[in-house]
Amino acid sequence: MMVQDNFRPVVGTGQTLAIGAASVASAAIPAGTFYVRLSATGNCHVQVAGAPVATSTDMLVKASDPPAIVRVQPGEKIAVIQDAASTGNLNLIGVTH
């Protein structure tokens, strides 16, 4: 199923995080960015915070799901950890509409 939305990627805001057994965090969300689009090649859990540490009880992002749009604040980071033994990458990019 194709997801239609009114969001456009913001050039220069993309990041790719490796999904693994330990939580890893992104760089800080840049000024002026209030939404990010998340997509994953492996099932994972994500947390958004100033100093996030993702756990298995945080938001689940499934590789089979369409990308998710998440509200963020400039300066926050996104952390990711694997779901079960899943591996892959989490891609995040700032979006605007």
Protein backbone atom coordinates (compact mmCIF):
# COMPACT_ATOMS: atom_id res chain seq x y z
CA MET A 1 0.00 0.00 0.00
CA MET A 2 1.35 3.44 -0.89
CA VAL A 3 1.26 6.07 1.85
CA GLN A 4 0.29 9.56 0.71
CA ASP A 5 1.27 12.49 2.88
CA ASN A 6 2.00 16.18 2.58
CA PHE A 7 5.52 15.98 3.99
CA ARG A 8 8.71 16.71 2.04
CA PRO A 9 12.24 15.61 3.04
CA VAL A 10 14.57 18.33 4.29
CA VAL A 11 17.91 18.09 2.49
CA GLY A 12 20.87 17.42 4.76
CA THR A 13 18.89 16.05 7.72
CA GLY A 14 19.06 12.31 6.95
CA GLN A 15 20.73 9.84 9.27
CA THR A 16 21.13 6.06 9.25
CA LEU A 17 21.51 4.11 12.49
CA ALA A 18 22.52 0.44 12.71
CA ILE A 19 19.93 -1.69 14.53
CA GLY A 20 21.57 -3.94 17.11
CA ALA A 21 21.44 -5.38 20.62
CA ALA A 22 22.57 -2.11 22.25
CA SER A 23 20.74 1.21 22.05
CA VAL A 24 22.37 3.76 19.74
CA ALA A 25 21.33 7.40 19.39
CA SER A 26 21.22 9.76 16.45
CA ALA A 27 22.83 13.15 16.26
CA ALA A 28 20.68 15.98 17.61
CA ILE A 29 17.66 16.99 15.54
CA PRO A 30 18.60 20.26 13.78
CA ALA A 31 16.99 23.64 14.46
CA GLY A 32 13.74 24.16 12.60
CA THR A 33 12.93 20.44 12.34
CA PHE A 34 9.71 19.37 14.09
CA TYR A 35 8.89 16.11 12.28
CA VAL A 36 11.00 13.15 11.18
CA ARG A 37 10.15 10.27 8.93
CA LEU A 38 11.30 6.88 10.25
CA SER A 39 11.75 3.74 8.15
CA ALA A 40 13.55 0.54 9.04
CA THR A 41 15.00 -2.46 7.23
CA GLY A 42 14.68 -4.54 10.43
CA ASN A 43 12.17 -4.52 13.27
CA CYS A 44 13.24 -2.16 16.04
CA HIS A 45 12.13 0.02 18.96
CA VAL A 46 12.73 3.77 19.06
CA GLN A 47 12.69 6.46 21.71
CA VAL A 48 12.76 10.25 21.20
CA ALA A 49 14.26 12.37 24.01
CA GLY A 50 17.10 14.70 24.90
CA ALA A 51 19.29 11.75 25.94
CA PRO A 52 17.35 8.68 24.76
CA VAL A 53 18.08 5.05 25.54
CA ALA A 54 15.77 2.76 23.56
CA THR A 55 14.35 -0.36 25.21
CA SER A 56 12.08 -3.18 24.09
CA THR A 57 9.05 -1.36 25.54
CA ASP A 58 9.47 1.74 23.33
CA MET A 59 7.68 2.42 20.04
CA LEU A 60 7.93 -0.53 17.65
CA VAL A 61 8.91 0.21 14.05
CA LYS A 62 8.43 -2.83 11.82
CA ALA A 63 10.33 -3.26 8.58
CA SER A 64 7.07 -4.30 6.88
CA ASP A 65 5.22 -1.13 7.93
CA PRO A 66 5.11 2.10 5.92
CA PRO A 67 7.36 4.91 7.17
CA ALA A 68 6.20 6.66 10.37
CA ILE A 69 6.10 10.43 10.86
CA VAL A 70 7.09 11.38 14.43
CA ARG A 71 6.93 14.82 16.08
CA VAL A 72 10.26 15.95 17.56
CA GLN A 73 11.85 19.06 19.01
CA PRO A 74 15.14 20.56 17.82
CA GLY A 75 17.99 19.21 19.95
CA GLU A 76 16.28 15.90 20.72
CA LYS A 77 17.77 12.61 19.53
CA ILE A 78 16.29 9.30 18.41
CA ALA A 79 17.61 6.05 19.86
CA VAL A 80 17.07 2.61 18.34
CA ILE A 81 17.43 -0.98 19.56
CA GLN A 82 16.59 -4.25 17.86
CA ASP A 83 13.31 -6.14 18.32
CA ALA A 84 14.18 -9.75 19.21
CA ALA A 85 17.22 -10.66 17.07
CA SER A 86 16.38 -8.36 14.16
CA THR A 87 19.15 -6.37 12.49
CA GLY A 88 19.26 -3.77 9.73
CA ASN A 89 19.12 0.01 9.67
CA LEU A 90 16.82 2.77 10.87
CA ASN A 91 16.70 5.70 8.50
CA LEU A 92 15.44 9.05 9.74
CA ILE A 93 15.05 12.30 7.88
CA GLY A 94 13.57 15.63 8.83
CA VAL A 95 10.40 16.47 6.94
CA THR A 96 8.29 19.58 6.46
CA HIS A 97 4.94 20.37 4.88
